[in-house]
Structures are given as structure tokens and as C-alpha cells.
């Protein structure tokens, strides 16, 4: 099967393959025992920047779960590390920055770094290793953090629940905000371009913290920068955010997104009513149900598949990432179910 016929890429192009493609956000990592074994003694960012290690971690869930796409193993702050920004990922907490960016002078300092100067050699090598093993059948999705989520970490100095400083900067110093977010859009684009040039078939832009924004703030201060991060990129684009229901239509980025990820809060058919029937939807299994009894989870997955038929095409995924305590066999069983449903549909159609 030529790669262009892969179910994921067909769905992103607006086609509806016989079998709904399925992959999982955070499928590479924490829930897999083989990942934990491989990571012993290695810090997160070091693992991301070691090509053979990053490649192996990317491939582990593809081998185990038989998903329809790989997602490149990295972290949204990796391009900032490549830009020379001092950041570490503290276990149990997340990214922590030595020098938060909170003033106009701070913005001057960080934006003086040229995004084109990033050395993405290690990223490109890891992607090439992955693509070589995936071959002509399984596409690789590249990814990057969206400008707002990156800015939220930078301005706060680390993880935050409400991102008060970042949201305040938008209104108290909009010039500095826009310079920072514009720079981050170019940083993310450099990171995506490196993955695409090395063989990634599609890209996903993650805006994990966008749900903390009002629709007005998202439209004025965030959407233009997210759009700039993917504008004209030579690859299908998936755009995902958490809690974005109030401004879901804006997640299309004025047509730049080929697919919009929907979290677990909004049924897919309702999301399609907002998004329109000319965009692919991705999602939206509730991660909380991964620990439910199988009959409960199976019914939920089938309901998500049914609701996804309202869209031009559907990519099955979670409404957010795989929780670390997830039993990997549950993810494998979901993939098997989705593929079985597709096979049943084909057989039913042939019999009519």
C-alpha cells in the first residue's frame, strides 16, 4: 500500500477510508513498560535529543498497538532548548525555566535568538530512523507546541493552572505579547519543518492550555500566531487543544487545519455542527474511561465512531493524552476493535 493510501492521510485529505484510522496522543511513553525500561537513568530532554533513543520510543507503541500512525517522541519545549533557552523537565512537575519571560526586556532578550539558527540535526536524524522502519505503510506525525502554550510556560516560568501572567501580558503589554508569540510561532515552524523535511507525513500543533482563554482573547492574541506556525506548510495539519469548545470553529485557523482535535467534553457530532462538514475531526475517547470495565469502554468507543460519521472523515484518538497508569493492553484492544468495526462495515457493504 503506497503511503498516500494510508488511512490517516486519506482521512486528512477528506476521504473516508473503510477503516477509521486510530492513534493515541502520548502513545509513545509513560504507560509502556518497555519505555520505562529504556528511560532508566536518562532525563527527558536528553532522551528527546538522542536520535536512536527518540526513534525507538516513537516506534514502541506502533509495534505494540498496531496503530495507524506514529507520533514523533519529543516535548514541546525541545525547540526552546535547541534555541539555547535554559529549561529542564522536572519529574512530577513539568517544564521549568531558569529565566521566565515577563517584561519587555525579557522579550527583547529571547526574541534576539534567530529561529532559523536552531540546530535540528538530532531531530532530523531521529525522524529519518523512524521513517525508515515505518516504511511505506505507516505515516509519522510530527508535532510542535502552539505559541500560546509555549508562552504560558515561558511567562509563568513553569506549569500553571490558570496562566494568569501570560493572560495578563496580552492586555497590559500587547506589543511584547505579540512579539513573543510571533517568535514562538517561528520557533515551532522551524521544528515542524525539520520533521517534515526528514520524512514526517503530517504534523500536529498542540495547544494544551488554550482552554484557559476567552474566545475574544483567543481570536485576538493567539489564533493569528498559531495560524502563522502552520501557514503554507507542506504537510496536512492537525490542530488540537484542550477545553476549546467555546471557540472550536476558530481552531480551524481559517482553513489551515485539515483536521481539528476535539477533547472529551463535546460529542463529535455536535463538534461537526460547529466546525462544518469540510474538515476532518480527531478524537475523542474520554481518557478516564480507559480504566472502566471493557463493556463500558467498548460502548463508548463505538459511540465515538458513530458520532464521527457526521464529519467528512474521522481519526479516532483520545480527547487528551494517555494517562501514565493506563494498562497498555486496553489501548491495543481499542485498536483491534476499531479495525474490526471497519472490517465488519466492509463485509456488510459487500453483502448488500
Protein backbone atom coordinates (compact mmCIF):
# COMPACT_ATOMS: atom_id res chain seq x y z
CA UNK A 1 0.00 0.00 0.00
CA UNK A 2 1.54 3.33 -1.02
CA UNK A 3 1.89 5.75 1.89
CA UNK A 4 -0.58 8.16 0.29
CA UNK A 5 -3.22 5.44 0.66
CA UNK A 6 -2.63 5.14 4.41
CA UNK A 7 -5.96 5.59 6.23
CA UNK A 8 -4.66 8.53 8.29
CA UNK A 9 -3.55 10.50 5.25
CA UNK A 10 -6.73 9.67 3.36
CA UNK A 11 -8.78 10.94 6.31
CA UNK A 12 -6.75 14.14 6.47
CA UNK A 13 -7.40 14.67 2.76
CA UNK A 14 -11.15 14.43 3.38
CA UNK A 15 -11.57 10.86 2.17
CA UNK A 16 -13.25 8.26 4.37
CA UNK A 17 -11.25 5.01 4.34
CA UNK A 18 -13.00 1.70 5.02
CA UNK A 19 -11.36 1.57 8.44
CA UNK A 20 -11.22 4.61 10.70
CA UNK A 21 -7.56 5.39 11.41
CA UNK A 22 -6.59 5.34 15.07
CA UNK A 23 -3.62 6.59 17.05
CA UNK A 24 -3.26 7.97 20.58
CA UNK A 25 -1.79 11.18 21.88
CA UNK A 26 1.04 10.31 24.28
CA UNK A 27 1.00 6.77 22.90
CA UNK A 28 4.81 6.87 22.98
CA UNK A 29 5.83 6.78 26.57
CA UNK A 30 4.69 6.66 30.10
CA UNK A 31 2.18 3.80 30.00
CA UNK A 32 4.57 1.37 28.29
CA UNK A 33 6.86 -0.80 30.45
CA UNK A 34 9.37 -1.01 27.59
CA UNK A 35 9.50 2.80 27.57
CA UNK A 36 10.12 2.97 31.31
CA UNK A 37 12.89 0.38 31.00
CA UNK A 38 14.52 2.33 28.17
CA UNK A 39 14.36 5.63 30.06
CA UNK A 40 16.10 4.41 33.22
CA UNK A 41 18.87 6.89 34.08
CA UNK A 42 18.03 9.26 31.21
CA UNK A 43 16.49 12.70 31.65
CA UNK A 44 13.51 13.53 29.46
CA UNK A 45 15.12 16.19 27.29
CA UNK A 46 18.25 14.08 26.87
CA UNK A 47 16.06 11.22 25.61
CA UNK A 48 14.37 13.58 23.15
CA UNK A 49 17.72 14.72 21.79
CA UNK A 50 19.31 11.27 21.43
CA UNK A 51 18.27 10.16 17.93
CA UNK A 52 18.31 6.39 18.35
CA UNK A 53 16.53 6.64 21.71
CA UNK A 54 13.86 9.04 20.47
CA UNK A 55 13.32 6.86 17.41
CA UNK A 56 12.96 3.67 19.44
CA UNK A 57 10.46 5.30 21.81
CA UNK A 58 8.43 6.57 18.84
CA UNK A 59 8.30 3.07 17.36
CA UNK A 60 7.44 1.12 20.53
CA UNK A 61 3.68 1.81 20.54
CA UNK A 62 3.39 1.28 16.78
CA UNK A 63 4.81 -2.21 17.21
CA UNK A 64 2.75 -2.98 20.32
CA UNK A 65 -0.64 -1.46 19.47
CA UNK A 66 -0.60 -1.66 15.63
CA UNK A 67 -1.86 1.93 15.43
CA UNK A 68 -2.28 3.64 12.06
CA UNK A 69 0.33 6.36 12.70
CA UNK A 70 3.39 7.07 14.75
CA UNK A 71 3.70 10.35 16.64
CA UNK A 72 7.24 11.64 16.96
CA UNK A 73 8.53 11.33 20.51
CA UNK A 74 9.68 14.70 21.75
CA UNK A 75 8.49 17.51 24.01
CA UNK A 76 7.06 20.91 23.20
CA UNK A 77 9.99 22.64 24.93
CA UNK A 78 12.65 20.84 22.87
CA UNK A 79 12.86 23.61 20.24
CA UNK A 80 13.33 26.12 23.06
CA UNK A 81 16.21 24.04 24.40
CA UNK A 82 17.65 23.99 20.86
CA UNK A 83 17.35 27.78 20.82
CA UNK A 84 19.55 27.96 23.92
CA UNK A 85 16.77 28.63 26.43
CA UNK A 86 17.59 27.12 29.82
CA UNK A 87 14.80 24.68 30.59
CA UNK A 88 14.51 21.38 32.40
CA UNK A 89 11.62 18.97 32.80
CA UNK A 90 11.25 18.21 36.49
CA UNK A 91 9.68 14.80 37.20
CA UNK A 92 6.19 15.19 38.57
CA UNK A 93 6.07 18.88 37.71
CA UNK A 94 6.92 19.55 34.06
CA UNK A 95 8.98 22.18 32.21
CA UNK A 96 10.72 24.73 34.43
CA UNK A 97 12.58 27.76 33.05
CA UNK A 98 15.55 29.34 34.78
CA UNK A 99 14.66 32.82 33.48
CA UNK A 100 10.93 33.49 32.97
CA UNK A 101 9.95 35.96 30.24
CA UNK A 102 7.79 38.61 31.90
CA UNK A 103 8.95 42.06 30.82
CA UNK A 104 9.60 43.88 27.55
CA UNK A 105 13.32 43.49 28.24
CA UNK A 106 12.88 39.75 28.71
CA UNK A 107 11.05 39.59 25.39
CA UNK A 108 13.85 41.58 23.74
CA UNK A 109 16.37 39.11 25.13
CA UNK A 110 14.68 35.92 23.97
CA UNK A 111 13.47 37.16 20.59
CA UNK A 112 17.01 38.20 19.70
CA UNK A 113 17.59 34.49 19.07
CA UNK A 114 17.07 33.73 15.37
CA UNK A 115 14.66 30.76 14.97
CA UNK A 116 16.48 29.86 11.77
CA UNK A 117 19.62 29.23 13.81
CA UNK A 118 18.22 26.17 15.59
CA UNK A 119 20.38 23.09 15.08
CA UNK A 120 17.77 20.43 14.33
CA UNK A 121 20.28 17.78 13.24
CA UNK A 122 19.39 15.38 16.06
CA UNK A 123 15.65 15.80 15.41
CA UNK A 124 16.05 15.12 11.69
CA UNK A 125 18.18 12.04 12.34
CA UNK A 126 15.61 10.60 14.76
CA UNK A 127 12.80 11.18 12.26
CA UNK A 128 14.79 9.51 9.48
CA UNK A 129 15.35 6.45 11.66
CA UNK A 130 11.64 6.20 12.42
CA UNK A 131 10.52 6.67 8.83
CA UNK A 132 12.98 4.05 7.64
CA UNK A 133 11.39 1.45 9.92
CA UNK A 134 7.78 2.52 9.33
CA UNK A 135 8.32 2.12 5.60
CA UNK A 136 5.64 2.74 3.01
CA UNK A 137 2.60 1.83 5.09
CA UNK A 138 2.56 3.76 8.39
CA UNK A 139 2.84 7.57 8.38
CA UNK A 140 4.71 9.54 11.00
CA UNK A 141 3.12 12.62 12.54
CA UNK A 142 5.49 15.43 13.50
CA UNK A 143 4.46 17.78 16.23
CA UNK A 144 5.13 21.07 17.97
CA UNK A 145 3.63 23.12 20.76
CA UNK A 146 1.45 26.06 19.77
CA UNK A 147 2.68 29.58 20.56
CA UNK A 148 0.25 30.19 23.44
CA UNK A 149 1.07 27.01 25.32
CA UNK A 150 4.80 27.65 24.91
CA UNK A 151 4.36 31.26 26.01
CA UNK A 152 2.31 30.19 29.01
CA UNK A 153 5.23 28.08 30.26
CA UNK A 154 7.79 30.77 29.46
CA UNK A 155 5.94 33.63 31.14
CA UNK A 156 4.90 31.65 34.19
CA UNK A 157 8.34 30.04 34.48
CA UNK A 158 6.76 26.60 34.71
CA UNK A 159 3.41 24.81 34.83
CA UNK A 160 0.35 26.80 35.91
CA UNK A 161 -3.35 26.08 36.19
CA UNK A 162 -4.69 29.46 35.07
CA UNK A 163 -1.73 31.10 33.27
CA UNK A 164 -2.52 34.43 34.90
CA UNK A 165 0.75 36.15 33.99
CA UNK A 166 0.55 35.11 30.36
CA UNK A 167 -3.05 36.24 30.03
CA UNK A 168 -2.24 39.49 31.80
CA UNK A 169 0.63 40.24 29.40
CA UNK A 170 -1.77 40.11 26.45
CA UNK A 171 -3.64 43.13 27.82
CA UNK A 172 -1.01 45.04 29.80
CA UNK A 173 1.71 44.85 27.14
CA UNK A 174 0.19 43.59 23.89
CA UNK A 175 3.25 44.63 21.88
CA UNK A 176 5.53 42.41 23.96
CA UNK A 177 2.99 39.61 23.87
CA UNK A 178 2.73 39.67 20.11
CA UNK A 179 6.49 39.83 19.65
CA UNK A 180 6.91 36.84 21.96
CA UNK A 181 4.09 34.80 20.42
CA UNK A 182 5.26 35.66 16.91
CA UNK A 183 8.76 34.49 17.75
CA UNK A 184 7.40 31.27 19.23
CA UNK A 185 5.38 30.67 16.06
CA UNK A 186 8.62 30.81 14.08
CA UNK A 187 10.34 28.52 16.59
CA UNK A 188 7.54 25.95 16.27
CA UNK A 189 7.57 26.23 12.50
CA UNK A 190 11.33 25.60 12.35
CA UNK A 191 10.78 22.48 14.48
CA UNK A 192 7.92 21.26 12.27
CA UNK A 193 9.82 21.96 9.06
CA UNK A 194 12.76 19.88 10.29
CA UNK A 195 10.48 16.91 10.97
CA UNK A 196 8.68 17.30 7.67
CA UNK A 197 11.92 17.55 5.68
CA UNK A 198 13.18 14.35 7.32
CA UNK A 199 10.08 12.38 6.35
CA UNK A 200 7.11 13.15 8.62
CA UNK A 201 3.91 12.84 6.58
CA UNK A 202 1.67 15.12 8.67
CA UNK A 203 2.03 17.48 11.63
CA UNK A 204 0.03 18.26 14.75
CA UNK A 205 0.08 21.57 16.58
CA UNK A 206 -0.72 21.12 20.29
CA UNK A 207 -2.31 23.96 22.27
CA UNK A 208 -2.70 22.22 25.59
CA UNK A 209 -3.56 25.35 27.59
CA UNK A 210 -5.77 27.21 25.09
CA UNK A 211 -8.84 26.33 27.13
CA UNK A 212 -7.86 28.90 29.75
CA UNK A 213 -8.60 31.68 27.25
CA UNK A 214 -11.80 33.54 26.47
CA UNK A 215 -12.96 33.35 22.86
CA UNK A 216 -12.15 37.04 22.39
CA UNK A 217 -8.60 36.63 23.72
CA UNK A 218 -8.03 33.51 21.65
CA UNK A 219 -9.09 35.28 18.47
CA UNK A 220 -7.16 38.47 19.13
CA UNK A 221 -3.96 37.25 20.75
CA UNK A 222 -3.48 33.57 19.88
CA UNK A 223 -5.12 32.35 16.68
CA UNK A 224 -3.06 34.59 14.36
CA UNK A 225 0.18 33.21 15.79
CA UNK A 226 -0.97 29.59 15.64
CA UNK A 227 -2.00 30.17 12.04
CA UNK A 228 1.44 31.60 11.27
CA UNK A 229 3.10 28.48 12.72
CA UNK A 230 1.50 26.25 10.07
CA UNK A 231 0.75 28.68 7.24
CA UNK A 232 1.82 27.15 3.93
CA UNK A 233 3.49 24.13 5.50
CA UNK A 234 3.94 21.28 3.04
CA UNK A 235 2.00 18.70 5.08
CA UNK A 236 -1.53 18.03 6.34
CA UNK A 237 -2.14 19.83 9.66
CA UNK A 238 -3.98 18.59 12.75
CA UNK A 239 -4.76 21.29 15.33
CA UNK A 240 -5.58 20.18 18.86
CA UNK A 241 -6.37 22.00 22.07
CA UNK A 242 -7.93 21.15 25.42
CA UNK A 243 -11.08 22.95 26.54
CA UNK A 244 -11.52 24.75 23.22
CA UNK A 245 -15.27 24.16 22.87
CA UNK A 246 -16.18 27.86 23.26
CA UNK A 247 -14.10 28.76 20.20
CA UNK A 248 -13.88 25.42 18.42
CA UNK A 249 -14.57 26.88 14.96
CA UNK A 250 -11.53 29.15 15.37
CA UNK A 251 -9.34 26.06 15.75
CA UNK A 252 -9.68 25.61 12.01
CA UNK A 253 -7.24 28.53 11.70
CA UNK A 254 -9.11 29.94 8.71
CA UNK A 255 -8.81 26.70 6.78
CA UNK A 256 -5.15 25.99 7.54
CA UNK A 257 -6.05 22.96 9.68
CA UNK A 258 -7.02 19.84 7.76
CA UNK A 259 -8.27 18.25 10.99
CA UNK A 260 -9.35 19.61 14.35
CA UNK A 261 -8.88 17.60 17.50
CA UNK A 262 -11.83 17.60 19.90
CA UNK A 263 -11.43 16.83 23.58
CA UNK A 264 -13.78 14.55 25.53
CA UNK A 265 -16.18 17.31 26.61
CA UNK A 266 -18.06 17.71 23.32
CA UNK A 267 -19.62 14.83 21.36
CA UNK A 268 -18.17 14.64 17.86
CA UNK A 269 -21.45 15.12 16.03
CA UNK A 270 -22.01 18.33 18.00
CA UNK A 271 -18.46 19.40 17.20
CA UNK A 272 -19.09 18.80 13.50
CA UNK A 273 -22.16 21.04 13.69
CA UNK A 274 -19.83 23.82 14.84
CA UNK A 275 -16.85 23.04 12.61
CA UNK A 276 -18.71 22.30 9.39
CA UNK A 277 -18.58 19.27 7.16
CA UNK A 278 -15.47 20.27 5.23
CA UNK A 279 -12.90 19.46 7.92
CA UNK A 280 -11.79 16.14 9.42
CA UNK A 281 -12.33 15.61 13.14
CA UNK A 282 -9.99 13.80 15.52
CA UNK A 283 -10.94 12.31 18.87
CA UNK A 284 -12.44 11.92 21.32
CA UNK A 285 -12.42 8.94 23.69
CA UNK A 286 -12.59 10.08 27.31
CA UNK A 287 -9.22 9.11 28.86
CA UNK A 288 -10.99 8.49 32.17
CA UNK A 289 -12.82 5.54 30.64
CA UNK A 290 -9.59 3.70 29.86
CA UNK A 291 -9.88 2.23 33.37
CA UNK A 292 -13.58 1.34 33.01
CA UNK A 293 -14.77 -2.26 32.51
CA UNK A 294 -14.36 -3.31 28.88
CA UNK A 295 -18.10 -3.37 28.05
CA UNK A 296 -18.37 0.26 29.20
CA UNK A 297 -15.31 1.33 27.23
CA UNK A 298 -16.33 -0.63 24.15
CA UNK A 299 -19.76 1.02 24.11
CA UNK A 300 -18.08 4.41 24.44
CA UNK A 301 -15.65 3.73 21.58
CA UNK A 302 -18.47 2.56 19.34
CA UNK A 303 -20.45 5.70 20.21
CA UNK A 304 -17.47 7.90 19.32
CA UNK A 305 -17.11 6.07 15.99
CA UNK A 306 -20.82 6.51 15.27
CA UNK A 307 -20.76 10.22 16.06
CA UNK A 308 -17.61 10.64 13.98
CA UNK A 309 -19.56 9.65 10.85
CA UNK A 310 -21.08 13.14 10.89
CA UNK A 311 -17.75 14.54 9.68
CA UNK A 312 -16.24 14.25 6.21
CA UNK A 313 -13.70 11.89 7.85
CA UNK A 314 -12.72 10.85 11.35
CA UNK A 315 -9.44 9.95 13.07
CA UNK A 316 -10.06 8.07 16.29
CA UNK A 317 -7.99 9.29 19.21
CA UNK A 318 -8.35 10.20 22.84
CA UNK A 319 -9.74 13.52 23.96
CA UNK A 320 -6.32 14.14 25.50
CA UNK A 321 -3.20 12.09 26.20
CA UNK A 322 -2.80 8.55 27.51
CA UNK A 323 -2.68 8.66 31.34
CA UNK A 324 0.52 7.04 32.67
CA UNK A 325 -1.40 4.45 34.70
CA UNK A 326 -3.19 3.07 31.63
CA UNK A 327 -2.94 -0.66 31.02
CA UNK A 328 -1.32 -0.85 27.56
CA UNK A 329 -3.42 -3.88 26.66
CA UNK A 330 -6.50 -1.65 26.78
CA UNK A 331 -5.09 0.57 24.03
CA UNK A 332 -4.28 -2.49 21.93
CA UNK A 333 -7.81 -3.75 22.41
CA UNK A 334 -9.26 -0.40 21.27
CA UNK A 335 -7.19 -0.54 18.07
CA UNK A 336 -8.36 -4.10 17.42
CA UNK A 337 -11.98 -3.04 17.98
CA UNK A 338 -11.73 -0.07 15.60
CA UNK A 339 -10.16 -2.24 12.90
CA UNK A 340 -12.78 -4.95 13.44
CA UNK A 341 -15.59 -2.40 13.10
CA UNK A 342 -14.05 -1.29 9.82
CA UNK A 343 -13.79 -4.86 8.56
CA UNK A 344 -17.41 -5.54 9.56
CA UNK A 345 -18.50 -2.44 7.66
CA UNK A 346 -16.66 -3.56 4.52
CA UNK A 347 -18.15 -7.05 4.76
CA UNK A 348 -21.65 -5.64 5.28
CA UNK A 349 -21.29 -3.37 2.27
CA UNK A 350 -20.09 -6.26 0.09
CA UNK A 351 -23.04 -8.39 1.13
CA UNK A 352 -25.64 -5.78 0.14
